[in-house]
Protein backbone atom coordinates (compact mmCIF):
# COMPACT_ATOMS: atom_id res chain seq x y z
CA UNK A 1 0.03 -0.06 -0.02
CA UNK A 2 2.90 2.32 0.86
CA UNK A 3 4.61 1.60 -2.56
CA UNK A 4 1.18 2.42 -4.34
CA UNK A 5 1.03 5.74 -2.32
CA UNK A 6 4.48 6.81 -3.43
CA UNK A 7 3.73 6.18 -7.10
CA UNK A 8 0.60 8.08 -6.84
CA UNK A 9 2.54 11.03 -5.23
CA UNK A 10 5.20 10.79 -7.92
CA UNK A 11 2.59 10.80 -10.64
CA UNK A 12 0.83 13.80 -9.25
CA UNK A 13 4.02 15.74 -8.88
CA UNK A 14 4.95 14.75 -12.73
CA UNK A 15 1.41 15.97 -13.67
CA UNK A 16 1.75 19.18 -11.69
CA UNK A 17 5.16 19.88 -13.26
CA UNK A 18 3.78 19.43 -16.60
CA UNK A 19 0.86 21.91 -15.97
CA UNK A 20 3.26 24.49 -14.77
CA UNK A 21 5.47 24.06 -17.75
CA UNK A 22 2.55 24.38 -20.10
CA UNK A 23 1.41 27.44 -18.22
CA UNK A 24 4.89 29.17 -18.49
CA UNK A 25 4.95 28.28 -22.26
CA UNK A 26 1.66 29.95 -22.70
CA UNK A 27 2.68 33.06 -20.87
CA UNK A 28 5.82 33.32 -23.06
CA UNK A 29 3.66 32.84 -26.17
CA UNK A 30 1.30 35.58 -25.26
CA UNK A 31 4.19 37.90 -24.50
CA UNK A 32 5.68 37.29 -27.98
CA UNK A 33 2.41 37.91 -29.67
CA UNK A 34 1.98 41.14 -27.51
CA UNK A 35 5.20 42.40 -28.63
CA UNK A 36 4.67 41.60 -32.17
CA UNK A 37 1.27 43.43 -32.09
CA UNK A 38 2.81 46.45 -30.23
CA UNK A 39 5.43 46.63 -33.06
CA UNK A 40 3.00 46.31 -35.74
CA UNK A 41 0.87 49.22 -34.27
CA UNK A 42 3.87 51.33 -33.81
CA UNK A 43 4.89 50.89 -37.48
CA UNK A 44 1.30 51.71 -38.51
CA UNK A 45 1.12 54.75 -36.21
CA UNK A 46 4.31 56.42 -37.94
CA UNK A 47 3.43 59.22 -40.12
CA UNK A 48 4.11 59.08 -43.77
CA UNK A 49 6.96 61.36 -45.02
CA UNK A 50 5.68 64.52 -46.61
CA UNK A 51 5.70 64.54 -50.37
CA UNK A 52 7.75 67.34 -51.78
CA UNK A 53 6.21 68.73 -55.11
CA UNK A 54 8.80 68.47 -57.86
CA UNK A 55 10.02 71.62 -59.56
CA UNK A 56 7.50 71.70 -62.40
CA UNK A 57 5.58 74.70 -63.77
CA UNK A 58 1.96 74.25 -64.07
CA UNK A 59 -1.27 76.48 -64.71
CA UNK A 60 -4.75 75.86 -63.57
CA UNK A 61 -5.94 77.68 -66.85
CA UNK A 62 -4.53 75.06 -69.33
CA UNK A 63 -2.23 72.06 -69.63
CA UNK A 64 1.23 72.06 -71.16
CA UNK A 65 0.73 72.36 -74.92
CA UNK A 66 -2.99 73.21 -74.36
CA UNK A 67 -5.11 76.41 -75.30
CA UNK A 68 -5.09 79.73 -73.64
CA UNK A 69 -8.36 81.15 -73.17
CA UNK A 70 -9.30 84.53 -74.90
CA UNK A 71 -9.74 86.36 -71.44
CA UNK A 72 -6.00 86.33 -71.18
CA UNK A 73 -5.42 88.07 -74.43
CA UNK A 74 -4.13 91.66 -74.64
CA UNK A 75 -7.17 93.18 -76.14
CA UNK A 76 -9.66 91.29 -73.94
CA UNK A 77 -9.33 91.22 -70.14
CA UNK A 78 -5.51 90.78 -70.36
CA UNK A 79 -5.46 88.84 -67.13
CA UNK A 80 -2.09 87.37 -66.25
CA UNK A 81 -2.10 83.64 -66.36
CA UNK A 82 -2.30 81.62 -63.11
CA UNK A 83 1.02 79.82 -62.56
CA UNK A 84 2.22 77.41 -59.74
CA UNK A 85 5.51 75.20 -59.30
CA UNK A 86 6.88 72.80 -56.79
CA UNK A 87 9.95 73.33 -54.56
CA UNK A 88 13.14 74.66 -56.43
CA UNK A 89 16.40 73.17 -56.09
CA UNK A 90 18.71 73.65 -53.11
CA UNK A 91 20.65 76.84 -53.21
CA UNK A 92 17.93 78.82 -54.99
CA UNK A 93 17.82 82.36 -53.73
CA UNK A 94 15.26 83.77 -56.20
CA UNK A 95 13.05 83.20 -59.01
CA UNK A 96 12.50 84.83 -62.33
CA UNK A 97 9.71 84.30 -65.02
CA UNK A 98 9.83 85.03 -68.70
CA UNK A 99 6.93 84.77 -71.25
CA UNK A 100 7.74 84.79 -74.94
CA UNK A 101 6.07 84.05 -78.28
CA UNK A 102 8.24 81.75 -80.18
CA UNK A 103 6.42 81.99 -83.57
CA UNK A 104 8.48 83.03 -86.51
CA UNK A 105 6.36 86.03 -87.24
CA UNK A 106 6.44 87.30 -83.60
CA UNK A 107 10.33 87.32 -83.37
CA UNK A 108 10.51 86.35 -79.79
CA UNK A 109 7.94 88.83 -78.72
CA UNK A 110 8.20 89.46 -75.00
CA UNK A 111 4.85 89.15 -73.20
CA UNK A 112 5.90 89.25 -69.47
CA UNK A 113 8.98 89.47 -67.44
CA UNK A 114 8.97 89.24 -63.67
CA UNK A 115 12.26 88.89 -61.65
CA UNK A 116 13.48 88.83 -58.10
CA UNK A 117 10.67 86.73 -56.78
CA UNK A 118 11.52 85.28 -53.24
CA UNK A 119 12.84 81.64 -53.30
CA UNK A 120 9.78 80.46 -51.28
CA UNK A 121 7.17 81.85 -53.95
CA UNK A 122 5.09 78.99 -55.20
CA UNK A 123 2.47 80.64 -57.25
CA UNK A 124 1.35 83.58 -59.31
CA UNK A 125 -2.41 83.91 -59.04
CA UNK A 126 -4.69 84.96 -61.88
CA UNK A 127 -4.35 88.60 -62.80
CA UNK A 128 -1.66 89.24 -60.07
CA UNK A 129 0.48 91.30 -62.59
CA UNK A 130 0.65 94.98 -61.93
CA UNK A 131 -1.07 94.59 -58.47
CA UNK A 132 0.09 94.77 -54.91
CA UNK A 133 -0.27 91.15 -54.76
CA UNK A 134 2.69 90.28 -56.62
CA UNK A 135 5.50 88.66 -54.46
CA UNK A 136 7.29 91.25 -52.16
CA UNK A 137 10.37 92.57 -53.88
CA UNK A 138 9.45 91.21 -57.28
CA UNK A 139 10.24 93.45 -60.38
CA UNK A 140 8.15 93.68 -63.54
CA UNK A 141 9.43 95.41 -66.55
CA UNK A 142 8.06 96.51 -69.92
CA UNK A 143 6.96 93.83 -72.48
CA UNK A 144 7.15 94.18 -76.22
CA UNK A 145 3.83 96.08 -76.17
CA UNK A 146 5.60 98.78 -74.19
CA UNK A 147 3.45 98.23 -71.20
CA UNK A 148 4.78 97.21 -67.58
CA UNK A 149 3.92 93.56 -66.58
CA UNK A 150 1.65 90.96 -68.45
CA UNK A 151 0.76 91.57 -71.94
CA UNK A 152 -1.44 88.76 -73.13
CA UNK A 153 -1.34 86.96 -76.47
CA UNK A 154 -2.26 89.17 -79.57
CA UNK A 155 -0.85 87.33 -82.76
CA UNK A 156 -1.53 88.89 -86.19
CA UNK A 157 -4.84 87.57 -87.68
CA UNK A 158 -4.38 84.55 -89.80
CA UNK A 159 -0.69 83.83 -88.88
CA UNK A 160 -1.72 80.48 -87.33
CA UNK A 161 -1.20 79.07 -84.00
CA UNK A 162 1.28 80.75 -81.73
CA UNK A 163 3.33 79.07 -78.90
CA UNK A 164 3.63 81.10 -75.76
CA UNK A 165 6.26 79.63 -73.57
CA UNK A 166 6.62 80.44 -70.01
CA UNK A 167 9.95 79.79 -68.49
CA UNK A 168 10.60 79.86 -64.75
CA UNK A 169 14.31 80.13 -63.58
CA UNK A 170 15.72 79.25 -60.20
CA UNK A 171 18.73 81.52 -59.58
CA UNK A 172 21.42 81.55 -57.22
CA UNK A 173 21.40 85.14 -56.63
CA UNK A 174 18.73 87.30 -54.68
CA UNK A 175 18.32 89.74 -57.42
CA UNK A 176 19.39 90.61 -61.03
CA UNK A 177 19.68 93.95 -62.45
CA UNK A 178 17.38 94.70 -65.55
CA UNK A 179 16.74 97.70 -67.74
CA UNK A 180 13.31 99.03 -68.47
CA UNK A 181 12.93 96.43 -71.24
CA UNK A 182 14.88 93.36 -72.31
CA UNK A 183 14.79 91.08 -75.22
CA UNK A 184 14.44 87.27 -74.91
CA UNK A 185 18.12 86.80 -75.93
CA UNK A 186 19.45 89.42 -73.63
CA UNK A 187 17.67 88.00 -70.78
CA UNK A 188 19.06 84.64 -71.20
CA UNK A 189 22.59 86.24 -71.48
CA UNK A 190 22.01 87.95 -68.11
CA UNK A 191 20.83 85.07 -66.07
CA UNK A 192 23.02 82.29 -67.66
CA UNK A 193 25.75 82.03 -65.10
CA UNK A 194 23.21 81.99 -62.20
CA UNK A 195 20.72 79.59 -63.31
CA UNK A 196 20.44 76.45 -61.13
CA UNK A 197 17.31 75.02 -62.93
CA UNK A 198 14.63 76.17 -65.24
CA UNK A 199 11.22 74.73 -66.04
CA UNK A 200 8.84 75.48 -68.93
CA UNK A 201 5.18 75.50 -69.77
CA UNK A 202 3.64 76.14 -73.37
CA UNK A 203 0.11 77.42 -74.28
CA UNK A 204 -1.24 78.10 -77.67
CA UNK A 205 -3.42 80.81 -79.28
CA UNK A 206 -4.55 81.55 -82.65
CA UNK A 207 -6.19 84.85 -83.73
CA UNK A 208 -8.32 83.82 -86.70
């Protein structure tokens, strides 16, 4: 009878140890799952990095290669075209915009020159030319019409489609010196040593 009791005790102890071991394994497993869950939640909670808009020139009025509305023409409302762009390259200290008619009949007719825009400028809203809303410190000079600021498309009747190119320059200087009026060729000569990057946008208009 005593031998039977010892075996019974020994069996109970073995069972108890097995139960304790199983309980410990369960705790370890739960702990691992909790850590994995915490890590997953932490990864999901991390904010996505901010997307930087590329240095591209766009307009809400037309797509690149699209048609320019009549309200922007010189003899209509003559509103300056809305323009926007992304972050310029590192080292940019100012921005300059040049609008030119590239049609052979026009002979690189200058429609708009605005220079010395602060480097943090990201847009020129519609009709901003010749108003107090132009970026502070900016300089507008005469176009080929002989007026200061924006001069909209006004191609000769029957001369076909004219391409109006807007060129935005990122410069490594805070300002450039310009005379009252400047040609397209002369402007390129003035800024060539200070250009970090440039982007372009083209719009078309025909006077039938």
